[in-house]
Amino acid sequence: MASIYERALGADFRKLHPRIQERFGFGSDDRIASVGCGVMERIRFSRLVSIPLYVGAKRHIMFPQGGENIPFTVENYAYVDRFGRETVTWVRKFKFPNAIRRFDATMIYSKRRERIVDYLGNKQHLAVDLQVSAAPNGGIRIRSGEQRFYEGLLQFRCPMKLSGIADVVEWFDDEADRYRITVEVNNPIVGTVFQYKGSFQARLVETPPGFIPMDVLPLREEKRE
């Protein structure tokens, strides 16, 4: 079965660097995961949005803390969620001197929307449409679009003026033999809300059938896309 990123990119998936294809090319049937560790050279946030980021940190969606040379890990496991959707985890742990901050997400491929939908946080309250493309350097570029909030019976589209638009690029540096990543989240009013830049090494690990570590799974799953 093609990975959710292959489905989103189509023929352009072959434009990706082979090591990027490796990291983004597996699905639940392959029984493998990608586990990486590295260092964020820089993490920044805007103090103008400290309160929203503090609230987000409680649900593992960004956080009001920055620094330099911050160790981090990233865990990508592919599985089928309870609604039968092919899903990939994105659990990032940033190890600050005084705290471990998390940024959790689970991505699915939505047949109805014909694109990847990213559920942010550990309770999938925020669903974000993603635009995925091949970058000129053989990396993968992911840009966020429309955002929807779901909580019980409550549901609404988030106005873009009150949302953060994320631009993510991950590529492989042949000379350094490392993956590199840049993430920048901007708001039309505030400007840059959150950003980080770093590099890491990642390896594929075999997983037993159906095995997913409990701490990378969301606490609840949202059916609405």
Protein backbone atom coordinates (compact mmCIF):
# COMPACT_ATOMS: atom_id res chain seq x y z
CA MET A 1 0.00 0.00 0.00
CA ALA A 2 1.31 3.47 -0.92
CA SER A 3 2.11 5.75 2.00
CA ILE A 4 -0.10 8.75 2.65
CA TYR A 5 2.67 10.99 1.28
CA GLU A 6 2.94 8.99 -1.94
CA ARG A 7 -0.82 9.35 -2.38
CA ALA A 8 -0.63 13.09 -1.79
CA LEU A 9 2.35 13.66 -4.12
CA GLY A 10 1.55 11.15 -6.86
CA ALA A 11 4.32 10.98 -9.48
CA ASP A 12 6.18 13.83 -7.74
CA PHE A 13 7.08 11.45 -4.91
CA ARG A 14 9.91 10.20 -7.17
CA LYS A 15 11.40 13.70 -7.20
CA LEU A 16 12.28 13.34 -3.52
CA HIS A 17 15.78 12.39 -2.40
CA PRO A 18 16.00 8.59 -1.85
CA ARG A 19 16.48 9.07 1.90
CA ILE A 20 13.39 11.30 2.05
CA GLN A 21 11.46 8.68 0.09
CA GLU A 22 12.60 6.17 2.70
CA ARG A 23 11.33 8.27 5.61
CA PHE A 24 8.04 9.18 3.98
CA GLY A 25 7.40 6.03 1.96
CA PHE A 26 6.24 3.42 4.48
CA GLY A 27 2.76 2.48 5.66
CA SER A 28 1.14 0.28 8.28
CA ASP A 29 1.61 -2.87 6.17
CA ASP A 30 5.39 -2.43 6.16
CA ARG A 31 5.71 -2.94 9.93
CA ILE A 32 8.51 -0.42 10.28
CA ALA A 33 8.88 2.95 11.94
CA SER A 34 11.27 5.87 11.59
CA VAL A 35 12.93 7.00 14.81
CA GLY A 36 15.24 9.98 14.81
CA CYS A 37 17.29 12.08 17.20
CA GLY A 38 19.24 15.27 16.73
CA VAL A 39 19.65 18.88 17.80
CA MET A 40 17.58 21.97 17.17
CA GLU A 41 20.06 24.73 16.48
CA ARG A 42 17.42 27.33 17.27
CA ILE A 43 13.87 27.44 18.63
CA ARG A 44 12.04 30.77 18.75
CA PHE A 45 8.54 31.97 19.67
CA SER A 46 6.73 35.30 19.83
CA ARG A 47 5.95 36.58 23.31
CA LEU A 48 2.87 38.25 21.84
CA VAL A 49 1.23 34.82 21.73
CA SER A 50 2.65 33.36 24.95
CA ILE A 51 -0.80 32.67 26.42
CA PRO A 52 -2.15 30.71 23.40
CA LEU A 53 1.13 28.79 23.21
CA TYR A 54 0.94 28.01 26.94
CA VAL A 55 -2.57 26.59 26.41
CA GLY A 56 -1.32 24.68 23.38
CA ALA A 57 1.54 23.20 25.39
CA LYS A 58 -1.01 21.47 27.64
CA ARG A 59 -2.23 19.58 24.59
CA HIS A 60 1.19 19.13 22.99
CA ILE A 61 0.69 21.81 20.32
CA MET A 62 3.77 24.08 20.22
CA PHE A 63 4.97 25.77 23.44
CA PRO A 64 6.19 29.14 24.81
CA GLN A 65 9.86 28.27 25.17
CA GLY A 66 12.93 28.81 23.05
CA GLY A 67 16.64 28.18 23.08
CA GLU A 68 19.65 26.97 21.14
CA ASN A 69 21.21 23.54 20.67
CA ILE A 70 18.18 21.74 22.10
CA PRO A 71 18.29 17.91 21.82
CA PHE A 72 15.15 16.40 20.33
CA THR A 73 13.66 13.14 19.10
CA VAL A 74 11.03 12.40 16.45
CA GLU A 75 8.96 9.22 16.19
CA ASN A 76 6.98 8.25 13.08
CA TYR A 77 4.83 5.14 13.33
CA ALA A 78 2.30 4.08 10.68
CA TYR A 79 -0.91 2.37 11.75
CA VAL A 80 -4.62 2.11 10.94
CA ASP A 81 -6.77 4.11 13.35
CA ARG A 82 -10.12 2.92 14.71
CA PHE A 83 -11.93 4.56 11.80
CA GLY A 84 -9.94 2.50 9.29
CA ARG A 85 -7.70 5.36 8.15
CA GLU A 86 -4.02 5.00 7.36
CA THR A 87 -2.28 7.16 9.96
CA VAL A 88 1.26 8.36 10.68
CA THR A 89 2.40 9.70 14.05
CA TRP A 90 4.61 12.77 14.42
CA VAL A 91 5.77 12.94 18.02
CA ARG A 92 8.55 15.42 18.66
CA LYS A 93 10.15 15.77 22.10
CA PHE A 94 12.38 18.77 22.82
CA LYS A 95 14.65 18.33 25.83
CA PHE A 96 15.15 21.74 27.41
CA PRO A 97 17.31 21.98 30.56
CA ASN A 98 14.23 22.44 32.75
CA ALA A 99 11.49 20.60 30.83
CA ILE A 100 10.63 18.19 28.04
CA ARG A 101 8.28 19.86 25.59
CA ARG A 102 6.20 17.86 23.10
CA PHE A 103 4.69 18.67 19.74
CA ASP A 104 2.34 15.82 18.73
CA ALA A 105 0.41 15.24 15.53
CA THR A 106 -1.21 12.41 13.61
CA MET A 107 -1.65 12.60 9.85
CA ILE A 108 -4.18 10.78 7.69
CA TYR A 109 -4.99 10.80 3.99
CA SER A 110 -8.54 12.07 3.53
CA LYS A 111 -10.25 10.52 0.51
CA ARG A 112 -13.04 13.09 0.76
CA ARG A 113 -10.69 16.07 0.78
CA GLU A 114 -8.10 14.36 -1.47
CA ARG A 115 -5.26 15.58 0.70
CA ILE A 116 -3.48 14.89 3.97
CA VAL A 117 -5.22 16.10 7.11
CA ASP A 118 -3.04 16.75 10.14
CA TYR A 119 -4.59 16.38 13.59
CA LEU A 120 -2.58 18.51 16.00
CA GLY A 121 -2.18 17.72 19.68
CA ASN A 122 -2.79 14.69 21.83
CA LYS A 123 -6.60 14.87 21.53
CA GLN A 124 -6.98 15.68 17.82
CA HIS A 125 -8.97 18.84 18.49
CA LEU A 126 -7.46 20.73 15.57
CA ALA A 127 -7.64 19.35 12.00
CA VAL A 128 -5.46 21.08 9.40
CA ASP A 129 -5.41 20.60 5.63
CA LEU A 130 -1.89 20.14 4.27
CA GLN A 131 -0.40 21.03 0.91
CA VAL A 132 2.50 18.67 0.18
CA SER A 133 5.05 19.23 -2.58
CA ALA A 134 8.56 18.23 -3.63
CA ALA A 135 11.15 20.90 -2.85
CA PRO A 136 13.85 21.77 -5.44
CA ASN A 137 16.56 20.30 -3.18
CA GLY A 138 14.86 16.88 -3.11
CA GLY A 139 13.20 17.58 0.20
CA ILE A 140 9.53 17.55 1.07
CA ARG A 141 7.64 20.77 1.72
CA ILE A 142 4.47 20.83 3.81
CA ARG A 143 2.34 23.95 4.09
CA SER A 144 -0.77 24.22 6.24
CA GLY A 145 -4.14 25.42 4.97
CA GLU A 146 -7.66 25.53 6.36
CA GLN A 147 -8.00 24.65 10.04
CA ARG A 148 -11.03 23.24 11.85
CA PHE A 149 -11.66 22.89 15.58
CA TYR A 150 -13.59 19.92 17.01
CA GLU A 151 -14.59 19.50 20.65
CA GLY A 152 -17.64 17.38 21.47
CA LEU A 153 -20.61 18.87 19.59
CA LEU A 154 -18.66 22.07 18.96
CA GLN A 155 -17.08 22.49 15.54
CA PHE A 156 -16.03 25.51 13.51
CA ARG A 157 -13.51 26.71 10.94
CA CYS A 158 -10.71 28.79 12.40
CA PRO A 159 -10.40 32.25 10.78
CA MET A 160 -7.02 32.45 9.06
CA LYS A 161 -6.33 35.82 10.74
CA LEU A 162 -6.40 34.01 14.07
CA SER A 163 -4.50 30.94 12.87
CA GLY A 164 -0.89 30.10 12.31
CA ILE A 165 0.21 29.12 8.81
CA ALA A 166 3.00 26.55 9.02
CA ASP A 167 5.70 26.07 6.41
CA VAL A 168 7.84 22.95 6.89
CA VAL A 169 10.75 21.76 4.76
CA GLU A 170 12.64 18.55 5.47
CA TRP A 171 15.55 17.42 3.28
CA PHE A 172 18.62 15.22 3.34
CA ASP A 173 22.09 16.73 3.47
CA ASP A 174 24.40 14.29 1.66
CA GLU A 175 27.57 16.04 2.76
CA ALA A 176 26.65 15.96 6.46
CA ASP A 177 24.82 12.61 6.16
CA ARG A 178 21.95 14.07 8.16
CA TYR A 179 18.34 15.13 7.73
CA ARG A 180 17.67 18.84 8.08
CA ILE A 181 14.41 20.55 8.91
CA THR A 182 13.06 24.07 9.14
CA VAL A 183 9.65 24.97 10.54
CA GLU A 184 8.11 28.44 10.58
CA VAL A 185 4.61 29.30 11.77
CA ASN A 186 3.35 32.76 10.80
CA ASN A 187 0.22 34.75 11.55
CA PRO A 188 -1.06 37.52 9.26
CA ILE A 189 -1.28 39.95 12.20
CA VAL A 190 1.49 38.93 14.62
CA GLY A 191 4.07 37.72 12.13
CA THR A 192 6.31 34.82 13.13
CA VAL A 193 4.65 32.86 15.96
CA PHE A 194 6.96 29.89 16.29
CA GLN A 195 9.97 28.52 14.45
CA TYR A 196 12.74 26.00 14.72
CA LYS A 197 15.68 24.81 12.69
CA GLY A 198 17.80 21.71 13.21
CA SER A 199 19.24 18.46 11.96
CA PHE A 200 18.95 14.82 12.92
CA GLN A 201 19.73 11.25 12.03
CA ALA A 202 16.96 8.71 11.63
CA ARG A 203 16.78 4.95 11.26
CA LEU A 204 14.07 2.55 10.23
CA VAL A 205 13.19 -0.01 12.91
CA GLU A 206 11.13 -3.14 12.53
CA THR A 207 7.93 -3.27 14.57
CA PRO A 208 5.79 -6.28 15.52
CA PRO A 209 2.35 -6.47 13.85
CA GLY A 210 0.08 -3.85 15.37
CA PHE A 211 2.73 -2.51 17.74
CA ILE A 212 2.60 1.23 18.45
CA PRO A 213 4.10 2.71 21.65
CA MET A 214 1.32 4.01 23.87
CA ASP A 215 2.96 7.38 24.41
CA VAL A 216 2.88 8.28 20.69
CA LEU A 217 -0.83 7.52 20.23
CA PRO A 218 -3.38 10.34 20.67
CA LEU A 219 -5.55 10.21 23.79
CA ARG A 220 -8.66 10.40 21.57
CA GLU A 221 -9.35 10.03 17.86
CA GLU A 222 -11.54 12.42 15.88
CA LYS A 223 -13.70 11.05 13.07
CA ARG A 224 -14.48 14.43 11.56
CA GLU A 225 -11.95 15.52 8.98
